[in-house]
């Protein structure tokens, strides 16, 4: 038998799934829908984190938070919350999670497009 807490978590995940589907249908697909592994490896690199946050890695940012993020689904649930945005505001130079990702995307594009000096 499932506990009430498990049912509440499942309901919350289903609500988030419906929100994500609605977002994908509309014109405003949010950057928070980027895969967590890609975020860690390509966007929020150690150099990005050291430059813009109080942490040396994205994993350290997560570990220092009150959020339990052990998989993609937990990350999506957390990153959609106002608590996550508040945590980002307190520990980075950004006004929210989406702004942090936008800057990371721009910095990655710059790294990839501008050749390194020989």
C-alpha atoms as a PDB file:
ATOM      1  CA  UNK A   1       0.000   0.000   0.000  1.00  0.00           C
ATOM      2  CA  UNK A   2       1.322   3.429  -0.924  1.00  0.00           C
ATOM      3  CA  UNK A   3       1.682   6.068   1.737  1.00  0.00           C
ATOM      4  CA  UNK A   4       0.100   9.485   1.453  1.00  0.00           C
ATOM      5  CA  UNK A   5       3.566  10.992   0.956  1.00  0.00           C
ATOM      6  CA  UNK A   6       4.208   8.701  -2.029  1.00  0.00           C
ATOM      7  CA  UNK A   7       0.853   9.590  -3.543  1.00  0.00           C
ATOM      8  CA  UNK A   8       1.546  13.303  -3.044  1.00  0.00           C
ATOM      9  CA  UNK A   9       4.947  12.957  -4.766  1.00  0.00           C
ATOM     10  CA  UNK A  10       3.355  11.092  -7.660  1.00  0.00           C
ATOM     11  CA  UNK A  11       0.646  13.746  -8.007  1.00  0.00           C
ATOM     12  CA  UNK A  12       3.274  16.506  -7.994  1.00  0.00           C
ATOM     13  CA  UNK A  13       5.308  14.723 -10.664  1.00  0.00           C
ATOM     14  CA  UNK A  14       2.222  14.235 -12.814  1.00  0.00           C
ATOM     15  CA  UNK A  15       1.370  17.940 -12.453  1.00  0.00           C
ATOM     16  CA  UNK A  16       4.921  18.835 -13.493  1.00  0.00           C
ATOM     17  CA  UNK A  17       4.691  16.472 -16.452  1.00  0.00           C
ATOM     18  CA  UNK A  18       1.508  18.196 -17.596  1.00  0.00           C
ATOM     19  CA  UNK A  19       3.176  21.604 -17.186  1.00  0.00           C
ATOM     20  CA  UNK A  20       6.146  20.451 -19.272  1.00  0.00           C
ATOM     21  CA  UNK A  21       3.859  19.163 -22.011  1.00  0.00           C
ATOM     22  CA  UNK A  22       2.015  22.491 -22.041  1.00  0.00           C
ATOM     23  CA  UNK A  23       5.312  24.362 -22.242  1.00  0.00           C
ATOM     24  CA  UNK A  24       6.482  22.230 -25.157  1.00  0.00           C
ATOM     25  CA  UNK A  25       3.254  22.936 -27.025  1.00  0.00           C
ATOM     26  CA  UNK A  26       3.616  26.695 -26.599  1.00  0.00           C
ATOM     27  CA  UNK A  27       6.080  29.251 -27.900  1.00  0.00           C
ATOM     28  CA  UNK A  28       7.941  29.594 -24.605  1.00  0.00           C
ATOM     29  CA  UNK A  29       9.896  26.366 -24.204  1.00  0.00           C
ATOM     30  CA  UNK A  30      11.906  26.926 -21.043  1.00  0.00           C
ATOM     31  CA  UNK A  31      15.597  26.201 -20.716  1.00  0.00           C
ATOM     32  CA  UNK A  32      14.934  24.108 -17.612  1.00  0.00           C
ATOM     33  CA  UNK A  33      13.929  21.295 -19.964  1.00  0.00           C
ATOM     34  CA  UNK A  34      17.568  20.698 -20.894  1.00  0.00           C
ATOM     35  CA  UNK A  35      18.926  17.294 -19.829  1.00  0.00           C
ATOM     36  CA  UNK A  36      20.680  17.308 -16.428  1.00  0.00           C
ATOM     37  CA  UNK A  37      23.753  15.489 -17.715  1.00  0.00           C
ATOM     38  CA  UNK A  38      24.173  18.082 -20.484  1.00  0.00           C
ATOM     39  CA  UNK A  39      23.763  20.900 -17.953  1.00  0.00           C
ATOM     40  CA  UNK A  40      26.502  19.432 -15.765  1.00  0.00           C
ATOM     41  CA  UNK A  41      28.989  18.589 -18.515  1.00  0.00           C
ATOM     42  CA  UNK A  42      28.487  21.318 -21.092  1.00  0.00           C
ATOM     43  CA  UNK A  43      26.893  24.352 -19.444  1.00  0.00           C
ATOM     44  CA  UNK A  44      27.675  24.605 -15.748  1.00  0.00           C
ATOM     45  CA  UNK A  45      31.323  23.723 -16.029  1.00  0.00           C
ATOM     46  CA  UNK A  46      33.701  24.250 -13.116  1.00  0.00           C
ATOM     47  CA  UNK A  47      35.024  27.454 -14.705  1.00  0.00           C
ATOM     48  CA  UNK A  48      31.470  28.792 -15.133  1.00  0.00           C
ATOM     49  CA  UNK A  49      30.580  27.898 -11.545  1.00  0.00           C
ATOM     50  CA  UNK A  50      33.729  29.497 -10.112  1.00  0.00           C
ATOM     51  CA  UNK A  51      33.117  32.652 -12.130  1.00  0.00           C
ATOM     52  CA  UNK A  52      29.427  33.119 -11.300  1.00  0.00           C
ATOM     53  CA  UNK A  53      28.713  31.266  -8.027  1.00  0.00           C
ATOM     54  CA  UNK A  54      30.028  30.489  -4.560  1.00  0.00           C
ATOM     55  CA  UNK A  55      30.810  26.917  -5.663  1.00  0.00           C
ATOM     56  CA  UNK A  56      33.474  25.131  -7.678  1.00  0.00           C
ATOM     57  CA  UNK A  57      31.034  22.734  -9.338  1.00  0.00           C
ATOM     58  CA  UNK A  58      27.339  22.233 -10.015  1.00  0.00           C
ATOM     59  CA  UNK A  59      27.422  19.103  -7.858  1.00  0.00           C
ATOM     60  CA  UNK A  60      28.683  21.192  -4.933  1.00  0.00           C
ATOM     61  CA  UNK A  61      25.863  23.680  -5.487  1.00  0.00           C
ATOM     62  CA  UNK A  62      23.372  20.818  -5.264  1.00  0.00           C
ATOM     63  CA  UNK A  63      25.046  19.152  -2.261  1.00  0.00           C
ATOM     64  CA  UNK A  64      25.063  22.425  -0.341  1.00  0.00           C
ATOM     65  CA  UNK A  65      21.348  22.899  -0.870  1.00  0.00           C
ATOM     66  CA  UNK A  66      18.432  21.500   1.094  1.00  0.00           C
ATOM     67  CA  UNK A  67      17.161  19.790  -2.048  1.00  0.00           C
ATOM     68  CA  UNK A  68      17.423  16.055  -2.659  1.00  0.00           C
ATOM     69  CA  UNK A  69      18.452  15.664  -6.290  1.00  0.00           C
ATOM     70  CA  UNK A  70      19.574  12.191  -7.233  1.00  0.00           C
ATOM     71  CA  UNK A  71      18.037  11.779 -10.672  1.00  0.00           C
ATOM     72  CA  UNK A  72      16.590  13.619 -13.662  1.00  0.00           C
ATOM     73  CA  UNK A  73      13.020  13.605 -12.355  1.00  0.00           C
ATOM     74  CA  UNK A  74      13.970  15.024  -8.952  1.00  0.00           C
ATOM     75  CA  UNK A  75      16.042  17.669 -10.701  1.00  0.00           C
ATOM     76  CA  UNK A  76      13.123  18.715 -12.925  1.00  0.00           C
ATOM     77  CA  UNK A  77      10.787  18.890  -9.912  1.00  0.00           C
ATOM     78  CA  UNK A  78      13.314  20.961  -7.964  1.00  0.00           C
ATOM     79  CA  UNK A  79      14.323  23.314 -10.775  1.00  0.00           C
ATOM     80  CA  UNK A  80      10.663  24.193 -11.362  1.00  0.00           C
ATOM     81  CA  UNK A  81      10.206  25.301  -7.744  1.00  0.00           C
ATOM     82  CA  UNK A  82      10.377  28.816  -6.352  1.00  0.00           C
ATOM     83  CA  UNK A  83      12.637  27.450  -3.608  1.00  0.00           C
ATOM     84  CA  UNK A  84      15.255  26.567  -6.225  1.00  0.00           C
ATOM     85  CA  UNK A  85      15.083  30.078  -7.697  1.00  0.00           C
ATOM     86  CA  UNK A  86      15.536  31.516  -4.190  1.00  0.00           C
ATOM     87  CA  UNK A  87      18.555  29.269  -3.637  1.00  0.00           C
ATOM     88  CA  UNK A  88      20.047  30.381  -6.967  1.00  0.00           C
ATOM     89  CA  UNK A  89      19.511  34.060  -6.052  1.00  0.00           C
ATOM     90  CA  UNK A  90      21.312  33.601  -2.714  1.00  0.00           C
ATOM     91  CA  UNK A  91      24.247  31.624  -4.072  1.00  0.00           C
ATOM     92  CA  UNK A  92      24.910  33.027  -7.529  1.00  0.00           C
ATOM     93  CA  UNK A  93      24.890  36.341  -9.355  1.00  0.00           C
ATOM     94  CA  UNK A  94      21.671  35.451 -11.179  1.00  0.00           C
ATOM     95  CA  UNK A  95      18.063  36.497 -10.565  1.00  0.00           C
ATOM     96  CA  UNK A  96      16.728  32.978 -11.210  1.00  0.00           C
ATOM     97  CA  UNK A  97      17.581  29.517 -12.569  1.00  0.00           C
ATOM     98  CA  UNK A  98      16.520  30.284 -16.123  1.00  0.00           C
ATOM     99  CA  UNK A  99      18.807  33.320 -16.280  1.00  0.00           C
ATOM    100  CA  UNK A 100      21.697  31.190 -15.028  1.00  0.00           C
ATOM    101  CA  UNK A 101      21.077  28.664 -17.795  1.00  0.00           C
ATOM    102  CA  UNK A 102      20.705  31.361 -20.461  1.00  0.00           C
ATOM    103  CA  UNK A 103      24.089  32.843 -19.548  1.00  0.00           C
ATOM    104  CA  UNK A 104      25.645  29.363 -19.490  1.00  0.00           C
ATOM    105  CA  UNK A 105      24.275  28.643 -22.976  1.00  0.00           C
ATOM    106  CA  UNK A 106      25.678  31.929 -24.279  1.00  0.00           C
ATOM    107  CA  UNK A 107      29.082  31.305 -22.722  1.00  0.00           C
ATOM    108  CA  UNK A 108      29.188  27.776 -24.155  1.00  0.00           C
ATOM    109  CA  UNK A 109      28.273  29.066 -27.607  1.00  0.00           C
ATOM    110  CA  UNK A 110      31.029  31.656 -27.355  1.00  0.00           C
ATOM    111  CA  UNK A 111      33.556  28.975 -26.332  1.00  0.00           C
ATOM    112  CA  UNK A 112      32.558  26.769 -29.250  1.00  0.00           C
ATOM    113  CA  UNK A 113      32.378  29.527 -31.883  1.00  0.00           C
ATOM    114  CA  UNK A 114      35.469  31.536 -31.067  1.00  0.00           C
ATOM    115  CA  UNK A 115      38.656  29.557 -31.763  1.00  0.00           C
ATOM    116  CA  UNK A 116      41.272  29.308 -29.042  1.00  0.00           C
ATOM    117  CA  UNK A 117      44.409  31.323 -29.619  1.00  0.00           C
ATOM    118  CA  UNK A 118      47.266  29.257 -30.997  1.00  0.00           C
END
